[in-house]
PDB file of N, CA and C in Angstrom:
ATOM      1  N   MET A   1       6.447  13.622  13.452  1.00  0.00           N
ATOM      2  CA  MET A   1       6.400  12.953  14.737  1.00  0.00           C
ATOM      3  C   MET A   1       5.568  13.789  15.708  1.00  0.00           C
ATOM      4  N   GLU A   2       4.731  13.143  16.439  1.00  0.00           N
ATOM      5  CA  GLU A   2       3.887  13.843  17.397  1.00  0.00           C
ATOM      6  C   GLU A   2       4.640  14.051  18.707  1.00  0.00           C
ATOM      7  N   SER A   3       4.148  14.954  19.516  1.00  0.00           N
ATOM      8  CA  SER A   3       4.810  15.277  20.772  1.00  0.00           C
ATOM      9  C   SER A   3       4.854  14.089  21.731  1.00  0.00           C
ATOM     10  N   ASN A   4       3.954  13.134  21.559  1.00  0.00           N
ATOM     11  CA  ASN A   4       3.942  11.967  22.449  1.00  0.00           C
ATOM     12  C   ASN A   4       4.829  10.835  21.934  1.00  0.00           C
ATOM     13  N   GLY A   5       5.623  11.100  20.907  1.00  0.00           N
ATOM     14  CA  GLY A   5       6.544  10.097  20.389  1.00  0.00           C
ATOM     15  C   GLY A   5       5.971   9.202  19.321  1.00  0.00           C
ATOM     16  N   ASN A   6       4.700   9.411  18.941  1.00  0.00           N
ATOM     17  CA  ASN A   6       4.103   8.625  17.878  1.00  0.00           C
ATOM     18  C   ASN A   6       4.284   9.329  16.533  1.00  0.00           C
ATOM     19  N   TYR A   7       3.937   8.630  15.472  1.00  0.00           N
ATOM     20  CA  TYR A   7       4.158   9.128  14.118  1.00  0.00           C
ATOM     21  C   TYR A   7       2.843   9.379  13.394  1.00  0.00           C
ATOM     22  N   HIS A   8       2.910  10.305  12.457  1.00  0.00           N
ATOM     23  CA  HIS A   8       1.819  10.543  11.517  1.00  0.00           C
ATOM     24  C   HIS A   8       2.190   9.895  10.191  1.00  0.00           C
ATOM     25  N   LEU A   9       1.246   9.239   9.571  1.00  0.00           N
ATOM     26  CA  LEU A   9       1.402   8.723   8.216  1.00  0.00           C
ATOM     27  C   LEU A   9       0.408   9.469   7.351  1.00  0.00           C
ATOM     28  N   TRP A  10       0.899  10.174   6.332  1.00  0.00           N
ATOM     29  CA  TRP A  10      -0.014  10.917   5.478  1.00  0.00           C
ATOM     30  C   TRP A  10       0.429  10.817   4.025  1.00  0.00           C
ATOM     31  N   GLY A  11      -0.512  11.036   3.142  1.00  0.00           N
ATOM     32  CA  GLY A  11      -0.218  10.974   1.721  1.00  0.00           C
ATOM     33  C   GLY A  11      -1.184  11.839   0.934  1.00  0.00           C
ATOM     34  N   VAL A  12      -0.735  12.263  -0.236  1.00  0.00           N
ATOM     35  CA  VAL A  12      -1.564  13.038  -1.155  1.00  0.00           C
ATOM     36  C   VAL A  12      -1.406  12.449  -2.549  1.00  0.00           C
ATOM     37  N   GLY A  13      -2.329  12.805  -3.423  1.00  0.00           N
ATOM     38  CA  GLY A  13      -2.218  12.377  -4.819  1.00  0.00           C
ATOM     39  C   GLY A  13      -2.918  11.071  -5.132  1.00  0.00           C
ATOM     40  N   PHE A  14      -3.633  10.527  -4.186  1.00  0.00           N
ATOM     41  CA  PHE A  14      -4.430   9.329  -4.458  1.00  0.00           C
ATOM     42  C   PHE A  14      -5.774   9.763  -5.030  1.00  0.00           C
ATOM     43  N   GLY A  15      -6.567   8.803  -5.481  1.00  0.00           N
ATOM     44  CA  GLY A  15      -7.900   9.132  -5.969  1.00  0.00           C
ATOM     45  C   GLY A  15      -8.789   9.584  -4.823  1.00  0.00           C
ATOM     46  N   GLY A  16      -9.752  10.405  -5.133  1.00  0.00           N
ATOM     47  CA  GLY A  16     -10.685  10.865  -4.118  1.00  0.00           C
ATOM     48  C   GLY A  16     -11.592   9.752  -3.645  1.00  0.00           C
ATOM     49  N   HIS A  17     -11.812   9.676  -2.343  1.00  0.00           N
ATOM     50  CA  HIS A  17     -12.699   8.685  -1.728  1.00  0.00           C
ATOM     51  C   HIS A  17     -12.337   7.257  -2.132  1.00  0.00           C
ATOM     52  N   THR A  18     -11.036   6.946  -2.094  1.00  0.00           N
ATOM     53  CA  THR A  18     -10.595   5.580  -2.376  1.00  0.00           C
ATOM     54  C   THR A  18     -10.005   4.978  -1.111  1.00  0.00           C
ATOM     55  N   LYS A  19      -9.932   3.667  -1.076  1.00  0.00           N
ATOM     56  CA  LYS A  19      -9.353   2.957   0.064  1.00  0.00           C
ATOM     57  C   LYS A  19      -7.844   2.834  -0.144  1.00  0.00           C
ATOM     58  N   VAL A  20      -7.117   3.067   0.932  1.00  0.00           N
ATOM     59  CA  VAL A  20      -5.669   2.917   0.923  1.00  0.00           C
ATOM     60  C   VAL A  20      -5.313   2.006   2.094  1.00  0.00           C
ATOM     61  N   THR A  21      -4.502   0.987   1.829  1.00  0.00           N
ATOM     62  CA  THR A  21      -4.069   0.109   2.914  1.00  0.00           C
ATOM     63  C   THR A  21      -2.637   0.443   3.284  1.00  0.00           C
ATOM     64  N   TYR A  22      -2.333   0.322   4.566  1.00  0.00           N
ATOM     65  CA  TYR A  22      -0.968   0.568   5.025  1.00  0.00           C
ATOM     66  C   TYR A  22      -0.542  -0.584   5.915  1.00  0.00           C
ATOM     67  N   SER A  23       0.748  -0.896   5.871  1.00  0.00           N
ATOM     68  CA  SER A  23       1.281  -1.957   6.717  1.00  0.00           C
ATOM     69  C   SER A  23       2.669  -1.574   7.196  1.00  0.00           C
ATOM     70  N   GLY A  24       2.973  -1.981   8.388  1.00  0.00           N
ATOM     71  CA  GLY A  24       4.245  -1.690   9.032  1.00  0.00           C
ATOM     72  C   GLY A  24       4.146  -2.220  10.445  1.00  0.00           C
ATOM     73  N   SER A  25       4.501  -1.394  11.431  1.00  0.00           N
ATOM     74  CA  SER A  25       4.324  -1.813  12.821  1.00  0.00           C
ATOM     75  C   SER A  25       2.843  -1.967  13.154  1.00  0.00           C
ATOM     76  N   THR A  26       1.996  -1.267  12.412  1.00  0.00           N
ATOM     77  CA  THR A  26       0.545  -1.378  12.492  1.00  0.00           C
ATOM     78  C   THR A  26       0.034  -1.462  11.067  1.00  0.00           C
ATOM     79  N   SER A  27      -1.084  -2.120  10.844  1.00  0.00           N
ATOM     80  CA  SER A  27      -1.651  -2.147   9.498  1.00  0.00           C
ATOM     81  C   SER A  27      -3.137  -1.851   9.568  1.00  0.00           C
ATOM     82  N   GLY A  28      -3.677  -1.404   8.448  1.00  0.00           N
ATOM     83  CA  GLY A  28      -5.092  -1.087   8.393  1.00  0.00           C
ATOM     84  C   GLY A  28      -5.462  -0.495   7.061  1.00  0.00           C
ATOM     85  N   THR A  29      -6.674  -0.007   6.990  1.00  0.00           N
ATOM     86  CA  THR A  29      -7.199   0.598   5.769  1.00  0.00           C
ATOM     87  C   THR A  29      -7.795   1.949   6.135  1.00  0.00           C
ATOM     88  N   VAL A  30      -7.583   2.923   5.266  1.00  0.00           N
ATOM     89  CA  VAL A  30      -8.123   4.259   5.486  1.00  0.00           C
ATOM     90  C   VAL A  30      -8.700   4.752   4.164  1.00  0.00           C
ATOM     91  N   SER A  31      -9.696   5.607   4.224  1.00  0.00           N
ATOM     92  CA  SER A  31     -10.254   6.206   3.015  1.00  0.00           C
ATOM     93  C   SER A  31      -9.666   7.602   2.832  1.00  0.00           C
ATOM     94  N   THR A  32      -9.393   7.952   1.594  1.00  0.00           N
ATOM     95  CA  THR A  32      -8.912   9.301   1.308  1.00  0.00           C
ATOM     96  C   THR A  32     -10.097  10.260   1.277  1.00  0.00           C
ATOM     97  N   ASP A  33      -9.811  11.535   1.425  1.00  0.00           N
ATOM     98  CA  ASP A  33     -10.870  12.533   1.297  1.00  0.00           C
ATOM     99  C   ASP A  33     -11.095  12.840  -0.185  1.00  0.00           C
ATOM    100  N   LYS A  34     -11.949  13.806  -0.455  1.00  0.00           N
ATOM    101  CA  LYS A  34     -12.309  14.075  -1.858  1.00  0.00           C
ATOM    102  C   LYS A  34     -11.123  14.575  -2.681  1.00  0.00           C
ATOM    103  N   SER A  35     -10.089  15.123  -2.023  1.00  0.00           N
ATOM    104  CA  SER A  35      -8.918  15.594  -2.758  1.00  0.00           C
ATOM    105  C   SER A  35      -7.826  14.530  -2.853  1.00  0.00           C
ATOM    106  N   GLY A  36      -8.094  13.319  -2.351  1.00  0.00           N
ATOM    107  CA  GLY A  36      -7.119  12.237  -2.463  1.00  0.00           C
ATOM    108  C   GLY A  36      -6.062  12.242  -1.380  1.00  0.00           C
ATOM    109  N   ARG A  37      -6.373  12.821  -0.224  1.00  0.00           N
ATOM    110  CA  ARG A  37      -5.410  12.916   0.866  1.00  0.00           C
ATOM    111  C   ARG A  37      -5.870  12.076   2.049  1.00  0.00           C
ATOM    112  N   PHE A  38      -4.916  11.521   2.783  1.00  0.00           N
ATOM    113  CA  PHE A  38      -5.236  10.852   4.038  1.00  0.00           C
ATOM    114  C   PHE A  38      -4.193  11.230   5.081  1.00  0.00           C
ATOM    115  N   ASP A  39      -4.548  11.107   6.331  1.00  0.00           N
ATOM    116  CA  ASP A  39      -3.652  11.430   7.435  1.00  0.00           C
ATOM    117  C   ASP A  39      -4.037  10.566   8.628  1.00  0.00           C
ATOM    118  N   ILE A  40      -3.096   9.767   9.103  1.00  0.00           N
ATOM    119  CA  ILE A  40      -3.332   8.889  10.247  1.00  0.00           C
ATOM    120  C   ILE A  40      -2.324   9.265  11.324  1.00  0.00           C
ATOM    121  N   GLY A  41      -2.802   9.494  12.526  1.00  0.00           N
ATOM    122  CA  GLY A  41      -1.911   9.848  13.625  1.00  0.00           C
ATOM    123  C   GLY A  41      -1.834   8.751  14.663  1.00  0.00           C
ATOM    124  N   GLY A  42      -0.921   8.917  15.612  1.00  0.00           N
ATOM    125  CA  GLY A  42      -0.816   8.017  16.745  1.00  0.00           C
ATOM    126  C   GLY A  42      -0.194   6.674  16.442  1.00  0.00           C
ATOM    127  N   LEU A  43       0.631   6.600  15.414  1.00  0.00           N
ATOM    128  CA  LEU A  43       1.237   5.331  15.030  1.00  0.00           C
ATOM    129  C   LEU A  43       2.603   5.168  15.682  1.00  0.00           C
ATOM    130  N   SER A  44       2.937   3.939  16.022  1.00  0.00           N
ATOM    131  CA  SER A  44       4.285   3.653  16.476  1.00  0.00           C
ATOM    132  C   SER A  44       5.053   3.082  15.291  1.00  0.00           C
ATOM    133  N   GLY A  45       6.311   3.391  15.204  1.00  0.00           N
ATOM    134  CA  GLY A  45       7.099   2.941  14.053  1.00  0.00           C
ATOM    135  C   GLY A  45       7.041   3.953  12.945  1.00  0.00           C
ATOM    136  N   SER A  46       8.151   4.112  12.235  1.00  0.00           N
ATOM    137  CA  SER A  46       8.257   5.184  11.252  1.00  0.00           C
ATOM    138  C   SER A  46       8.341   4.668   9.822  1.00  0.00           C
ATOM    139  N   LYS A  47       8.225   3.362   9.612  1.00  0.00           N
ATOM    140  CA  LYS A  47       8.328   2.828   8.251  1.00  0.00           C
ATOM    141  C   LYS A  47       7.065   2.076   7.886  1.00  0.00           C
ATOM    142  N   PHE A  48       6.453   2.468   6.791  1.00  0.00           N
ATOM    143  CA  PHE A  48       5.220   1.830   6.348  1.00  0.00           C
ATOM    144  C   PHE A  48       5.237   1.639   4.837  1.00  0.00           C
ATOM    145  N   VAL A  49       4.493   0.650   4.378  1.00  0.00           N
ATOM    146  CA  VAL A  49       4.231   0.460   2.956  1.00  0.00           C
ATOM    147  C   VAL A  49       2.759   0.784   2.740  1.00  0.00           C
ATOM    148  N   VAL A  50       2.469   1.663   1.776  1.00  0.00           N
ATOM    149  CA  VAL A  50       1.103   2.100   1.487  1.00  0.00           C
ATOM    150  C   VAL A  50       0.733   1.610   0.098  1.00  0.00           C
ATOM    151  N   LYS A  51      -0.442   1.000  -0.020  1.00  0.00           N
ATOM    152  CA  LYS A  51      -0.917   0.505  -1.313  1.00  0.00           C
ATOM    153  C   LYS A  51      -2.270   1.111  -1.618  1.00  0.00           C
ATOM    154  N   SER A  52      -2.472   1.468  -2.874  1.00  0.00           N
ATOM    155  CA  SER A  52      -3.789   1.954  -3.285  1.00  0.00           C
ATOM    156  C   SER A  52      -4.758   0.779  -3.322  1.00  0.00           C
ATOM    157  N   GLY A  53      -6.047   1.102  -3.304  1.00  0.00           N
ATOM    158  CA  GLY A  53      -7.070   0.073  -3.239  1.00  0.00           C
ATOM    159  C   GLY A  53      -7.034  -0.909  -4.391  1.00  0.00           C
ATOM    160  N   ASP A  54      -6.633  -0.451  -5.570  1.00  0.00           N
ATOM    161  CA  ASP A  54      -6.593  -1.358  -6.716  1.00  0.00           C
ATOM    162  C   ASP A  54      -5.283  -2.145  -6.769  1.00  0.00           C
ATOM    163  N   GLY A  55      -4.362  -1.852  -5.849  1.00  0.00           N
ATOM    164  CA  GLY A  55      -3.107  -2.591  -5.790  1.00  0.00           C
ATOM    165  C   GLY A  55      -2.087  -2.180  -6.824  1.00  0.00           C
ATOM    166  N   LYS A  56      -2.392  -1.172  -7.628  1.00  0.00           N
ATOM    167  CA  LYS A  56      -1.487  -0.779  -8.707  1.00  0.00           C
ATOM    168  C   LYS A  56      -0.380   0.158  -8.236  1.00  0.00           C
ATOM    169  N   THR A  57      -0.609   0.843  -7.117  1.00  0.00           N
ATOM    170  CA  THR A  57       0.369   1.800  -6.626  1.00  0.00           C
ATOM    171  C   THR A  57       0.835   1.369  -5.250  1.00  0.00           C
ATOM    172  N   GLN A  58       2.158   1.283  -5.084  1.00  0.00           N
ATOM    173  CA  GLN A  58       2.726   0.952  -3.780  1.00  0.00           C
ATOM    174  C   GLN A  58       3.814   1.959  -3.466  1.00  0.00           C
ATOM    175  N   VAL A  59       3.782   2.498  -2.265  1.00  0.00           N
ATOM    176  CA  VAL A  59       4.740   3.515  -1.845  1.00  0.00           C
ATOM    177  C   VAL A  59       5.356   3.073  -0.527  1.00  0.00           C
ATOM    178  N   THR A  60       6.669   3.175  -0.421  1.00  0.00           N
ATOM    179  CA  THR A  60       7.338   2.912   0.854  1.00  0.00           C
ATOM    180  C   THR A  60       7.574   4.252   1.530  1.00  0.00           C
ATOM    181  N   CYS A  61       7.131   4.367   2.767  1.00  0.00           N
ATOM    182  CA  CYS A  61       7.194   5.629   3.504  1.00  0.00           C
ATOM    183  C   CYS A  61       8.268   5.563   4.583  1.00  0.00           C
ATOM    184  N   THR A  62       9.006   6.632   4.736  1.00  0.00           N
ATOM    185  CA  THR A  62      10.002   6.723   5.796  1.00  0.00           C
ATOM    186  C   THR A  62       9.829   8.024   6.538  1.00  0.00           C
ATOM    187  N   MET A  63      10.501   8.148   7.655  1.00  0.00           N
ATOM    188  CA  MET A  63      10.349   9.318   8.520  1.00  0.00           C
ATOM    189  C   MET A  63      10.932  10.557   7.873  1.00  0.00           C
ATOM    190  N   VAL A  64      10.217  11.670   8.046  1.00  0.00           N
ATOM    191  CA  VAL A  64      10.665  12.968   7.560  1.00  0.00           C
ATOM    192  C   VAL A  64      10.786  13.902   8.757  1.00  0.00           C
ATOM    193  N   HIS A  65      11.921  14.578   8.871  1.00  0.00           N
ATOM    194  CA  HIS A  65      12.107  15.552   9.937  1.00  0.00           C
ATOM    195  C   HIS A  65      11.678  16.919   9.440  1.00  0.00           C
ATOM    196  N   HIS A  66      10.863  17.633  10.214  1.00  0.00           N
ATOM    197  CA  HIS A  66      10.416  18.976   9.844  1.00  0.00           C
ATOM    198  C   HIS A  66      11.262  19.991  10.551  1.00  0.00           C
TER     199      HIS A  66
END
């Protein structure tokens, strides 16, 4: 969670330079970096569903307290 009350959505282990779609309170598409990681900040809502570009992998994300 960011200091302004928004959330970060991040993931690792995807293919490098692939498209990942996310949906929840906000939806969109993001590209992973060469190591298969993505990080999106400034989101409202703490629950998202993330799908890989080929649709074969779907992950449900929930809030993690650090």
